[in-house]
Amino acid sequence: MKIMFNKHHPSPSDLPDRTARVHFTELCAGYPGRPVLHELSAAIPSLATTALVGPNGSGKSTLLGVMAGVIEPTSGHLRHTGSRPPAFVPQRGAVGDTLPLTVRQTVEMGRWGERGLWRRLTRRDRAAVDTALDRLGIGEIATRQLGELSGGQRQRALIAQGLAQESDLLLLDEPTTGLDPEARARITAVLTQLVTDGVTVVQATHDLGAARSADACLLLRDGRLTGQGHPEDVLTESALAQVWQPA
């Protein structure tokens, strides 16, 4: 079933039959002296994949940061309906190549929210890490240093770290950018299966193929929402041309 949004006043028949996992109204956010998001109002449907699409500087990463709780809104309202904090996977470049961490240690960091930094992992924590490693197909390289990996392997390790948090909301910033087709296909398949297993997935992406395969889409330009709904209704040639035209 297509998930539709209405920018005006939807009737009950227009609304999706799934509860929104995240809902925000007139949301504004940014950094000191630099506002980024301007009065965004939208809902992120539960048990679905939502793509955030727009050019660099459109506010995709900032919106993910607000939903993850690492950036405070300056005004507006944000509501989560889940019982667990979101899991946030930043862009690959945000994690240093020189950190002396193995793949397994990187994924274990996903359990720090449960255990804290200094407490030893429990059997349940180790099981969650093992499951995340296996799911991303990186169990065999668990002892390798993060900086030794290919881009695709490194990205899978970071996503596995997010999965180890066992959240029902996974937020990803450009998870497949710069990866080879095989790595992109592997990650896309994992994200699709996660939704089937009860996880809500939100990803910022420049990949229009990935965006068009999502269940819902938010189209952004200059920190403003220019479209929301099913990708085939939002990502039209005219809408994309308008979003990517020079300011």
Protein backbone atom coordinates (compact mmCIF):
# COMPACT_ATOMS: atom_id res chain seq x y z
CA MET A 1 0.00 0.00 0.00
CA LYS A 2 1.26 3.48 -0.81
CA ILE A 3 1.78 5.80 2.11
CA MET A 4 0.37 9.21 1.30
CA PHE A 5 0.66 12.53 3.06
CA ASN A 6 -1.44 15.63 2.54
CA LYS A 7 0.03 19.08 2.99
CA HIS A 8 -3.37 20.60 3.81
CA HIS A 9 -6.18 19.03 5.86
CA PRO A 10 -6.43 15.29 5.12
CA SER A 11 -9.66 13.42 5.49
CA PRO A 12 -9.58 10.12 7.43
CA SER A 13 -9.45 8.19 4.15
CA ASP A 14 -6.26 10.02 3.15
CA LEU A 15 -4.34 9.02 6.25
CA PRO A 16 -2.04 5.98 6.43
CA ASP A 17 -3.26 3.12 8.63
CA ARG A 18 0.08 3.05 10.44
CA THR A 19 0.93 5.21 13.43
CA ALA A 20 3.63 7.80 12.81
CA ARG A 21 6.91 6.87 14.53
CA VAL A 22 8.05 10.51 14.50
CA HIS A 23 5.92 13.59 14.08
CA PHE A 24 7.16 17.17 13.90
CA THR A 25 5.30 20.45 13.53
CA GLU A 26 6.72 23.86 12.51
CA LEU A 27 10.17 22.50 13.40
CA CYS A 28 13.10 24.93 13.26
CA ALA A 29 16.72 24.06 14.00
CA GLY A 30 20.26 25.06 13.17
CA TYR A 31 23.55 26.18 14.64
CA PRO A 32 24.67 29.39 16.36
CA GLY A 33 24.14 32.19 13.89
CA ARG A 34 23.07 29.80 11.14
CA PRO A 35 19.44 28.64 10.99
CA VAL A 36 19.02 25.54 8.81
CA LEU A 37 15.50 24.11 9.14
CA HIS A 38 12.50 26.39 8.70
CA GLU A 39 9.07 25.36 10.03
CA LEU A 40 9.00 21.75 8.85
CA SER A 41 5.81 19.79 9.48
CA ALA A 42 5.66 16.09 8.57
CA ALA A 43 5.21 12.56 9.90
CA ILE A 44 7.57 9.61 9.61
CA PRO A 45 5.44 6.46 9.22
CA SER A 46 6.18 3.45 11.41
CA LEU A 47 7.37 0.17 9.91
CA ALA A 48 8.39 1.84 6.66
CA THR A 49 11.40 3.34 4.92
CA THR A 50 11.42 7.12 4.52
CA ALA A 51 13.96 8.86 2.27
CA LEU A 52 15.13 12.42 2.91
CA VAL A 53 16.08 13.87 -0.47
CA GLY A 54 17.63 17.19 -1.43
CA PRO A 55 20.88 18.84 -2.51
CA ASN A 56 23.80 19.52 -0.19
CA GLY A 57 22.82 22.17 2.32
CA SER A 58 19.12 21.38 2.13
CA GLY A 59 18.95 20.31 5.78
CA LYS A 60 18.84 16.51 5.52
CA SER A 61 21.64 15.86 8.02
CA THR A 62 20.32 18.49 10.41
CA LEU A 63 16.85 16.93 10.35
CA LEU A 64 18.36 13.51 11.09
CA GLY A 65 20.33 15.03 13.96
CA VAL A 66 17.18 16.56 15.43
CA MET A 67 15.30 13.25 15.18
CA ALA A 68 18.29 11.49 16.76
CA GLY A 69 18.32 13.94 19.66
CA VAL A 70 21.85 15.24 19.02
CA ILE A 71 20.63 18.65 17.76
CA GLU A 72 18.12 20.65 19.77
CA PRO A 73 15.25 22.32 17.88
CA THR A 74 15.12 26.08 18.21
CA SER A 75 11.32 26.05 17.97
CA GLY A 76 8.43 23.83 16.98
CA HIS A 77 7.43 20.42 18.24
CA LEU A 78 8.94 16.95 17.81
CA ARG A 79 7.25 13.79 19.06
CA HIS A 80 8.50 10.20 19.12
CA THR A 81 6.07 7.35 19.71
CA GLY A 82 8.63 4.58 20.25
CA SER A 83 9.83 3.32 23.61
CA ARG A 84 13.56 3.26 22.75
CA PRO A 85 15.98 5.99 21.70
CA PRO A 86 16.74 6.16 17.98
CA ALA A 87 19.90 4.59 16.56
CA PHE A 88 21.85 7.09 14.47
CA VAL A 89 24.43 6.14 11.81
CA PRO A 90 26.29 9.29 10.65
CA GLN A 91 28.09 9.70 7.36
CA ARG A 92 31.12 7.47 6.96
CA GLY A 93 33.46 10.46 6.88
CA ALA A 94 32.32 11.53 10.35
CA VAL A 95 34.20 8.57 11.89
CA GLY A 96 37.99 8.83 11.84
CA ASP A 97 39.98 6.30 9.82
CA THR A 98 42.81 6.36 12.33
CA LEU A 99 40.82 5.22 15.37
CA PRO A 100 42.50 2.04 16.71
CA LEU A 101 39.29 0.02 16.75
CA THR A 102 38.48 -3.39 15.38
CA VAL A 103 35.23 -4.04 13.58
CA ARG A 104 33.87 -5.85 16.62
CA GLN A 105 34.87 -3.04 18.99
CA THR A 106 33.16 -0.58 16.67
CA VAL A 107 29.93 -2.57 16.75
CA GLU A 108 30.20 -3.05 20.53
CA MET A 109 30.01 0.73 20.91
CA GLY A 110 26.36 0.34 19.97
CA ARG A 111 25.78 -1.29 23.35
CA TRP A 112 27.27 1.55 25.38
CA GLY A 113 23.86 3.15 25.72
CA GLU A 114 22.72 0.03 27.61
CA ARG A 115 25.92 -0.72 29.56
CA GLY A 116 27.78 2.55 29.78
CA LEU A 117 31.39 3.01 28.69
CA TRP A 118 33.13 1.19 31.53
CA ARG A 119 30.83 -1.74 32.34
CA ARG A 120 31.58 -5.11 30.80
CA LEU A 121 29.24 -6.40 28.13
CA THR A 122 26.74 -9.02 29.21
CA ARG A 123 25.91 -12.22 27.36
CA ARG A 124 22.88 -10.45 25.89
CA ASP A 125 25.06 -7.55 24.72
CA ARG A 126 27.48 -9.94 23.01
CA ALA A 127 24.58 -11.75 21.36
CA ALA A 128 23.26 -8.44 19.99
CA VAL A 129 26.71 -7.64 18.60
CA ASP A 130 27.03 -11.09 17.02
CA THR A 131 23.60 -10.75 15.41
CA ALA A 132 24.47 -7.33 13.97
CA LEU A 133 27.81 -8.59 12.59
CA ASP A 134 26.14 -11.59 10.98
CA ARG A 135 23.31 -9.52 9.55
CA LEU A 136 25.74 -7.23 7.73
CA GLY A 137 27.95 -10.14 6.67
CA ILE A 138 31.06 -8.90 8.47
CA GLY A 139 31.53 -11.56 11.15
CA GLU A 140 34.58 -12.91 9.34
CA ILE A 141 36.38 -9.56 9.52
CA ALA A 142 35.44 -8.76 13.12
CA THR A 143 39.09 -8.68 14.26
CA ARG A 144 40.29 -6.33 11.51
CA GLN A 145 41.03 -2.67 12.18
CA LEU A 146 38.35 -0.25 10.99
CA GLY A 147 40.90 1.78 9.06
CA GLU A 148 41.94 -1.26 7.00
CA LEU A 149 38.51 -1.81 5.52
CA SER A 150 37.07 -0.90 2.15
CA GLY A 151 34.41 1.79 2.08
CA GLY A 152 31.62 -0.78 1.83
CA GLN A 153 32.97 -2.89 4.70
CA ARG A 154 33.42 0.17 6.88
CA GLN A 155 29.91 1.38 6.19
CA ARG A 156 28.51 -2.05 7.05
CA ALA A 157 30.40 -1.93 10.36
CA LEU A 158 28.84 1.44 11.20
CA ILE A 159 25.36 0.20 10.30
CA ALA A 160 25.98 -2.90 12.42
CA GLN A 161 26.82 -0.58 15.31
CA GLY A 162 23.41 1.03 14.82
CA LEU A 163 21.68 -2.35 14.71
CA ALA A 164 23.40 -3.42 17.93
CA GLN A 165 21.44 -0.70 19.73
CA GLU A 166 18.27 -2.73 19.04
CA SER A 167 16.18 0.38 18.44
CA ASP A 168 12.95 0.36 16.47
CA LEU A 169 14.07 3.57 14.69
CA LEU A 170 17.23 3.57 12.56
CA LEU A 171 18.44 6.91 11.17
CA LEU A 172 21.13 6.84 8.48
CA ASP A 173 22.98 9.69 6.80
CA GLU A 174 23.96 8.80 3.21
CA PRO A 175 24.46 5.07 3.98
CA THR A 176 25.34 4.05 0.41
CA THR A 177 27.08 7.15 -0.99
CA GLY A 178 30.37 6.34 -2.70
CA LEU A 179 29.96 2.58 -2.42
CA ASP A 180 30.26 0.01 -5.19
CA PRO A 181 27.04 -1.58 -6.53
CA GLU A 182 27.52 -4.80 -4.56
CA ALA A 183 27.92 -2.95 -1.26
CA ARG A 184 24.90 -0.75 -2.03
CA ALA A 185 22.78 -3.79 -2.83
CA ARG A 186 23.85 -5.55 0.39
CA ILE A 187 22.99 -2.57 2.58
CA THR A 188 19.70 -1.93 0.77
CA ALA A 189 18.65 -5.55 1.29
CA VAL A 190 19.45 -5.34 5.00
CA LEU A 191 17.43 -2.14 5.42
CA THR A 192 14.46 -3.68 3.59
CA GLN A 193 14.55 -6.72 5.87
CA LEU A 194 14.75 -4.53 8.96
CA VAL A 195 11.42 -2.92 8.10
CA THR A 196 9.88 -6.38 7.78
CA ASP A 197 11.27 -7.17 11.23
CA GLY A 198 9.64 -4.12 12.82
CA VAL A 199 12.19 -1.31 12.43
CA THR A 200 11.38 2.13 11.05
CA VAL A 201 14.17 3.30 8.72
CA VAL A 202 14.91 6.90 7.75
CA GLN A 203 17.80 7.62 5.41
CA ALA A 204 19.15 10.81 3.89
CA THR A 205 20.24 10.01 0.37
CA HIS A 206 21.36 11.47 -2.94
CA ASP A 207 20.58 8.14 -4.62
CA LEU A 208 17.29 8.67 -6.43
CA GLY A 209 17.04 4.93 -7.08
CA ALA A 210 17.09 4.26 -3.34
CA ALA A 211 14.69 7.13 -2.71
CA ARG A 212 12.20 5.86 -5.28
CA SER A 213 12.19 2.42 -3.67
CA ALA A 214 11.28 3.89 -0.26
CA ASP A 215 7.77 3.87 1.15
CA ALA A 216 7.72 7.62 1.80
CA CYS A 217 9.81 10.64 0.90
CA LEU A 218 10.50 14.14 2.19
CA LEU A 219 11.93 16.53 -0.40
CA LEU A 220 13.96 19.42 1.01
CA ARG A 221 15.48 22.60 -0.35
CA ASP A 222 17.20 25.34 1.69
CA GLY A 223 15.86 23.87 4.91
CA ARG A 224 12.26 23.91 3.77
CA LEU A 225 9.97 21.05 2.92
CA THR A 226 8.94 21.24 -0.73
CA GLY A 227 7.20 17.87 -0.99
CA GLN A 228 6.16 14.84 1.04
CA GLY A 229 4.39 11.62 0.25
CA HIS A 230 5.00 8.53 -1.85
CA PRO A 231 8.20 8.83 -3.94
CA GLU A 232 6.45 8.48 -7.30
CA ASP A 233 4.26 11.46 -6.38
CA VAL A 234 7.06 13.57 -4.89
CA LEU A 235 10.12 12.82 -7.03
CA THR A 236 8.72 14.08 -10.32
CA GLU A 237 10.96 15.61 -12.97
CA SER A 238 9.54 19.06 -12.40
CA ALA A 239 9.89 18.86 -8.59
CA LEU A 240 13.48 17.64 -8.81
CA ALA A 241 14.40 20.31 -11.35
CA GLN A 242 13.00 22.99 -9.06
CA VAL A 243 14.85 21.67 -6.00
CA TRP A 244 18.20 21.40 -7.76
CA GLN A 245 18.01 24.64 -9.72
CA PRO A 246 20.47 27.37 -8.65
CA ALA A 247 19.18 29.64 -5.92
